[in-house]
Amino acid sequence: MSTSELACTYACLILHDDGIPITAEKISTLVKAANVKVESYWPNLFAKLCEKKNIEDLILNVGAGGGGVAAAVTVAVAAGATPAAEDKKKGEPENESEEDEPMILDLFNDM
């Protein structure tokens, strides 16, 4: 995240926390008061975002984005569909092979 984005994000959070409507002018004023130089388009973008989205929802759902793979893995593990569980179900003995051991590379082996 760039400094400009971060400054506008903090400005939006400050305005929201104080109950002040979030506009590009107010974001610009706060950013200038903090002595941060931002490109002129950032305050407009953040103001438009704040018009369309509920700030409370954005704050509360900060970690909710993405995660489709993690959710699928959680469901598979909860159902007992792990690779180790499938091997045990098949009755295959657990073998510790050389392939499972971590590979150690040494640049000075041949010296």
N, C-alpha and C. Protein backbone atom coordinates (compact mmCIF):
# COMPACT_ATOMS: atom_id res chain seq x y z
N MET A 1 0.86 -1.16 0.00
CA MET A 1 0.00 0.00 0.00
C MET A 1 0.90 1.22 0.00
N SER A 2 0.59 2.16 -0.87
CA SER A 2 1.41 3.36 -0.97
C SER A 2 1.08 4.34 0.17
N THR A 3 1.94 5.31 0.33
CA THR A 3 1.74 6.33 1.36
C THR A 3 0.45 7.11 1.09
N SER A 4 0.18 7.39 -0.18
CA SER A 4 -1.04 8.13 -0.54
C SER A 4 -2.29 7.36 -0.14
N GLU A 5 -2.30 6.06 -0.44
CA GLU A 5 -3.45 5.24 -0.08
C GLU A 5 -3.62 5.16 1.43
N LEU A 6 -2.53 4.99 2.12
CA LEU A 6 -2.58 4.88 3.57
C LEU A 6 -3.07 6.18 4.21
N ALA A 7 -2.59 7.31 3.72
CA ALA A 7 -3.01 8.60 4.26
C ALA A 7 -4.50 8.81 4.03
N CYS A 8 -4.99 8.46 2.85
CA CYS A 8 -6.43 8.63 2.56
C CYS A 8 -7.27 7.66 3.39
N THR A 9 -6.75 6.46 3.62
CA THR A 9 -7.46 5.50 4.45
C THR A 9 -7.61 6.02 5.86
N TYR A 10 -6.52 6.52 6.42
CA TYR A 10 -6.58 7.08 7.77
C TYR A 10 -7.51 8.28 7.84
N ALA A 11 -7.48 9.12 6.82
CA ALA A 11 -8.36 10.29 6.79
C ALA A 11 -9.82 9.85 6.79
N CYS A 12 -10.14 8.84 5.99
CA CYS A 12 -11.52 8.33 5.96
C CYS A 12 -11.93 7.76 7.31
N LEU A 13 -11.03 7.04 7.95
CA LEU A 13 -11.34 6.47 9.26
C LEU A 13 -11.55 7.56 10.30
N ILE A 14 -10.74 8.61 10.24
CA ILE A 14 -10.89 9.73 11.18
C ILE A 14 -12.23 10.41 10.98
N LEU A 15 -12.56 10.69 9.72
CA LEU A 15 -13.84 11.34 9.43
C LEU A 15 -15.01 10.48 9.86
N HIS A 16 -14.92 9.20 9.58
CA HIS A 16 -16.01 8.29 9.97
C HIS A 16 -16.15 8.22 11.49
N ASP A 17 -15.02 8.15 12.19
CA ASP A 17 -15.04 8.05 13.64
C ASP A 17 -15.66 9.30 14.27
N ASP A 18 -15.44 10.46 13.66
CA ASP A 18 -16.01 11.70 14.18
C ASP A 18 -17.43 11.95 13.69
N GLY A 19 -17.95 11.07 12.83
CA GLY A 19 -19.31 11.23 12.33
C GLY A 19 -19.45 12.31 11.28
N ILE A 20 -18.36 12.66 10.64
CA ILE A 20 -18.35 13.70 9.60
C ILE A 20 -18.51 13.02 8.24
N PRO A 21 -19.37 13.56 7.38
CA PRO A 21 -19.51 12.97 6.04
C PRO A 21 -18.17 12.97 5.31
N ILE A 22 -17.87 11.88 4.63
CA ILE A 22 -16.59 11.72 3.97
C ILE A 22 -16.69 12.26 2.54
N THR A 23 -15.94 13.33 2.30
CA THR A 23 -15.88 13.94 0.97
C THR A 23 -14.42 14.07 0.56
N ALA A 24 -14.20 14.27 -0.73
CA ALA A 24 -12.84 14.42 -1.23
C ALA A 24 -12.16 15.64 -0.63
N GLU A 25 -12.92 16.71 -0.45
CA GLU A 25 -12.35 17.94 0.12
C GLU A 25 -11.89 17.73 1.56
N LYS A 26 -12.70 17.01 2.34
CA LYS A 26 -12.34 16.78 3.74
C LYS A 26 -11.16 15.82 3.86
N ILE A 27 -11.11 14.84 2.97
CA ILE A 27 -9.96 13.93 2.96
C ILE A 27 -8.70 14.72 2.62
N SER A 28 -8.79 15.57 1.60
CA SER A 28 -7.64 16.39 1.20
C SER A 28 -7.19 17.31 2.33
N THR A 29 -8.14 17.88 3.05
CA THR A 29 -7.81 18.78 4.16
C THR A 29 -7.06 18.03 5.26
N LEU A 30 -7.52 16.85 5.60
CA LEU A 30 -6.84 16.08 6.64
C LEU A 30 -5.44 15.64 6.20
N VAL A 31 -5.33 15.23 4.95
CA VAL A 31 -4.04 14.78 4.44
C VAL A 31 -3.04 15.94 4.41
N LYS A 32 -3.50 17.11 3.99
CA LYS A 32 -2.62 18.28 3.97
C LYS A 32 -2.23 18.69 5.38
N ALA A 33 -3.16 18.57 6.34
CA ALA A 33 -2.85 18.91 7.73
C ALA A 33 -1.80 17.98 8.31
N ALA A 34 -1.72 16.75 7.77
CA ALA A 34 -0.72 15.79 8.23
C ALA A 34 0.60 15.93 7.47
N ASN A 35 0.68 16.91 6.58
CA ASN A 35 1.88 17.16 5.77
C ASN A 35 2.26 15.95 4.91
N VAL A 36 1.25 15.30 4.34
CA VAL A 36 1.48 14.18 3.44
C VAL A 36 1.04 14.62 2.05
N LYS A 37 1.92 14.41 1.09
CA LYS A 37 1.59 14.77 -0.29
C LYS A 37 1.00 13.56 -0.99
N VAL A 38 -0.20 13.74 -1.54
CA VAL A 38 -0.87 12.67 -2.27
C VAL A 38 -1.25 13.18 -3.65
N GLU A 39 -1.36 12.26 -4.59
CA GLU A 39 -1.83 12.62 -5.92
C GLU A 39 -3.29 13.06 -5.81
N SER A 40 -3.70 13.94 -6.68
CA SER A 40 -5.03 14.55 -6.56
C SER A 40 -6.18 13.57 -6.74
N TYR A 41 -5.95 12.44 -7.37
CA TYR A 41 -7.05 11.51 -7.62
C TYR A 41 -7.38 10.62 -6.42
N TRP A 42 -6.46 10.44 -5.49
CA TRP A 42 -6.71 9.54 -4.36
C TRP A 42 -7.89 9.99 -3.49
N PRO A 43 -7.96 11.24 -3.05
CA PRO A 43 -9.12 11.63 -2.22
C PRO A 43 -10.45 11.41 -2.93
N ASN A 44 -10.49 11.66 -4.25
CA ASN A 44 -11.74 11.44 -5.00
C ASN A 44 -12.11 9.96 -5.02
N LEU A 45 -11.13 9.10 -5.25
CA LEU A 45 -11.41 7.66 -5.26
C LEU A 45 -11.92 7.17 -3.91
N PHE A 46 -11.28 7.61 -2.85
CA PHE A 46 -11.70 7.16 -1.53
C PHE A 46 -13.07 7.72 -1.15
N ALA A 47 -13.36 8.95 -1.56
CA ALA A 47 -14.67 9.54 -1.28
C ALA A 47 -15.76 8.76 -2.01
N LYS A 48 -15.50 8.39 -3.26
CA LYS A 48 -16.49 7.61 -4.02
C LYS A 48 -16.69 6.23 -3.41
N LEU A 49 -15.61 5.63 -2.95
CA LEU A 49 -15.72 4.33 -2.29
C LEU A 49 -16.57 4.43 -1.04
N CYS A 50 -16.33 5.47 -0.26
CA CYS A 50 -17.06 5.63 1.00
C CYS A 50 -18.53 5.97 0.78
N GLU A 51 -18.85 6.56 -0.39
CA GLU A 51 -20.25 6.82 -0.71
C GLU A 51 -21.00 5.52 -0.98
N LYS A 52 -20.31 4.57 -1.64
CA LYS A 52 -20.96 3.34 -2.09
C LYS A 52 -20.92 2.22 -1.05
N LYS A 53 -19.95 2.24 -0.17
CA LYS A 53 -19.79 1.15 0.81
C LYS A 53 -20.02 1.67 2.22
N ASN A 54 -20.52 0.80 3.06
CA ASN A 54 -20.68 1.12 4.47
C ASN A 54 -19.33 0.92 5.16
N ILE A 55 -18.82 1.95 5.79
CA ILE A 55 -17.51 1.91 6.43
C ILE A 55 -17.49 0.87 7.55
N GLU A 56 -18.57 0.75 8.29
CA GLU A 56 -18.64 -0.25 9.37
C GLU A 56 -18.44 -1.65 8.81
N ASP A 57 -19.06 -1.94 7.67
CA ASP A 57 -18.90 -3.26 7.05
C ASP A 57 -17.46 -3.48 6.61
N LEU A 58 -16.83 -2.45 6.06
CA LEU A 58 -15.44 -2.59 5.62
C LEU A 58 -14.52 -2.86 6.81
N ILE A 59 -14.76 -2.19 7.91
CA ILE A 59 -13.93 -2.37 9.10
C ILE A 59 -14.13 -3.76 9.70
N LEU A 60 -15.37 -4.18 9.79
CA LEU A 60 -15.67 -5.47 10.43
C LEU A 60 -15.27 -6.66 9.57
N ASN A 61 -15.20 -6.48 8.25
CA ASN A 61 -14.89 -7.59 7.35
C ASN A 61 -13.50 -7.49 6.76
N VAL A 62 -12.58 -6.93 7.51
CA VAL A 62 -11.21 -6.73 7.02
C VAL A 62 -10.55 -8.03 6.62
N GLY A 63 -10.70 -9.09 7.37
CA GLY A 63 -10.04 -10.35 7.07
C GLY A 63 -10.90 -11.33 6.32
N ALA A 64 -12.07 -10.91 5.87
CA ALA A 64 -13.00 -11.86 5.26
C ALA A 64 -12.77 -12.06 3.77
N GLY A 65 -11.98 -11.24 3.13
CA GLY A 65 -11.78 -11.35 1.69
C GLY A 65 -10.96 -12.56 1.33
N GLY A 66 -11.21 -13.10 0.15
CA GLY A 66 -10.46 -14.25 -0.32
C GLY A 66 -10.74 -15.46 0.54
N GLY A 67 -9.75 -16.27 0.72
CA GLY A 67 -9.87 -17.40 1.63
C GLY A 67 -10.68 -18.56 1.10
N GLY A 68 -10.99 -18.59 -0.17
CA GLY A 68 -11.75 -19.69 -0.73
C GLY A 68 -11.02 -21.01 -0.58
N VAL A 69 -9.73 -20.99 -0.75
CA VAL A 69 -8.93 -22.21 -0.64
C VAL A 69 -8.88 -22.66 0.81
N ALA A 70 -8.70 -21.73 1.73
CA ALA A 70 -8.64 -22.10 3.14
C ALA A 70 -9.97 -22.69 3.59
N ALA A 71 -11.08 -22.14 3.12
CA ALA A 71 -12.39 -22.67 3.48
C ALA A 71 -12.56 -24.08 2.92
N ALA A 72 -12.11 -24.32 1.70
CA ALA A 72 -12.22 -25.64 1.10
C ALA A 72 -11.37 -26.66 1.87
N VAL A 73 -10.19 -26.26 2.29
CA VAL A 73 -9.33 -27.15 3.06
C VAL A 73 -9.96 -27.45 4.41
N THR A 74 -10.55 -26.44 5.04
CA THR A 74 -11.20 -26.64 6.33
C THR A 74 -12.35 -27.62 6.22
N VAL A 75 -13.15 -27.48 5.17
CA VAL A 75 -14.27 -28.40 4.96
C VAL A 75 -13.76 -29.81 4.71
N ALA A 76 -12.70 -29.95 3.92
CA ALA A 76 -12.16 -31.27 3.63
C ALA A 76 -11.58 -31.92 4.87
N VAL A 77 -10.90 -31.14 5.69
CA VAL A 77 -10.31 -31.67 6.92
C VAL A 77 -11.42 -32.05 7.90
N ALA A 78 -12.44 -31.23 7.99
CA ALA A 78 -13.56 -31.52 8.89
C ALA A 78 -14.27 -32.81 8.48
N ALA A 79 -14.30 -33.06 7.17
CA ALA A 79 -14.94 -34.27 6.68
C ALA A 79 -14.02 -35.49 6.79
N GLY A 80 -12.78 -35.28 7.19
CA GLY A 80 -11.84 -36.38 7.34
C GLY A 80 -11.21 -36.78 6.02
N ALA A 81 -11.19 -35.88 5.05
CA ALA A 81 -10.65 -36.21 3.73
C ALA A 81 -9.23 -35.71 3.58
N THR A 82 -8.40 -35.99 4.54
CA THR A 82 -7.00 -35.60 4.43
C THR A 82 -6.24 -36.71 3.73
N PRO A 83 -5.15 -36.39 3.07
CA PRO A 83 -4.37 -37.44 2.40
C PRO A 83 -3.90 -38.53 3.36
N ALA A 84 -3.52 -38.15 4.56
CA ALA A 84 -3.06 -39.15 5.53
C ALA A 84 -4.21 -40.06 5.94
N ALA A 85 -5.39 -39.49 6.09
CA ALA A 85 -6.55 -40.30 6.46
C ALA A 85 -6.92 -41.26 5.34
N GLU A 86 -6.79 -40.82 4.10
CA GLU A 86 -7.11 -41.68 2.97
C GLU A 86 -6.12 -42.83 2.87
N ASP A 87 -4.83 -42.58 3.16
CA ASP A 87 -3.83 -43.64 3.13
C ASP A 87 -4.12 -44.69 4.19
N LYS A 88 -4.53 -44.25 5.36
CA LYS A 88 -4.83 -45.19 6.43
C LYS A 88 -6.07 -46.00 6.11
N LYS A 89 -7.02 -45.37 5.42
CA LYS A 89 -8.23 -46.08 5.04
C LYS A 89 -7.91 -47.19 4.05
N LYS A 90 -6.97 -46.96 3.18
CA LYS A 90 -6.60 -47.95 2.18
C LYS A 90 -5.78 -49.08 2.77
N GLY A 91 -5.27 -48.89 3.95
CA GLY A 91 -4.49 -49.91 4.59
C GLY A 91 -3.03 -49.94 4.16
N GLU A 92 -2.58 -48.90 3.54
CA GLU A 92 -1.19 -48.83 3.11
C GLU A 92 -0.31 -48.52 4.31
N PRO A 93 0.77 -49.24 4.46
CA PRO A 93 1.67 -48.93 5.58
C PRO A 93 2.39 -47.61 5.34
N GLU A 94 2.66 -46.95 6.43
CA GLU A 94 3.36 -45.67 6.33
C GLU A 94 4.85 -45.94 6.17
N ASN A 95 5.40 -45.49 5.07
CA ASN A 95 6.82 -45.67 4.81
C ASN A 95 7.53 -44.33 4.84
N GLU A 96 8.60 -44.28 5.58
CA GLU A 96 9.44 -43.09 5.57
C GLU A 96 10.48 -43.29 4.49
N SER A 97 10.30 -42.63 3.38
CA SER A 97 11.26 -42.78 2.30
C SER A 97 12.21 -41.60 2.28
N GLU A 98 13.23 -41.73 1.45
CA GLU A 98 14.20 -40.64 1.33
C GLU A 98 13.56 -39.41 0.69
N GLU A 99 12.50 -39.62 -0.07
CA GLU A 99 11.84 -38.49 -0.72
C GLU A 99 11.17 -37.58 0.29
N ASP A 100 10.74 -38.14 1.44
CA ASP A 100 10.07 -37.35 2.45
C ASP A 100 11.02 -36.52 3.30
N GLU A 101 12.29 -36.89 3.30
CA GLU A 101 13.26 -36.17 4.10
C GLU A 101 13.59 -34.84 3.43
N PRO A 102 13.83 -33.81 4.22
CA PRO A 102 14.18 -32.52 3.62
C PRO A 102 15.53 -32.61 2.90
N MET A 103 15.62 -31.95 1.79
CA MET A 103 16.83 -31.98 0.99
C MET A 103 17.79 -30.90 1.50
N ILE A 104 18.99 -31.28 1.82
CA ILE A 104 19.99 -30.33 2.30
C ILE A 104 21.02 -30.14 1.20
N LEU A 105 21.13 -28.92 0.76
CA LEU A 105 22.10 -28.59 -0.29
C LEU A 105 23.32 -27.96 0.35
N ASP A 106 24.46 -28.44 -0.03
CA ASP A 106 25.69 -27.89 0.50
C ASP A 106 26.60 -27.55 -0.66
N LEU A 107 27.01 -26.32 -0.73
CA LEU A 107 27.85 -25.87 -1.83
C LEU A 107 29.26 -26.43 -1.75
N PHE A 108 29.67 -26.89 -0.58
CA PHE A 108 31.05 -27.31 -0.39
C PHE A 108 31.19 -28.83 -0.24
N ASN A 109 30.21 -29.60 -0.73
CA ASN A 109 30.29 -31.06 -0.64
C ASN A 109 31.46 -31.63 -1.38
N ASP A 110 31.78 -31.10 -2.55
CA ASP A 110 32.80 -31.70 -3.41
C ASP A 110 34.21 -31.27 -3.03
N MET A 111 34.40 -30.44 -2.09
CA MET A 111 35.73 -29.96 -1.74
C MET A 111 36.43 -30.87 -0.81
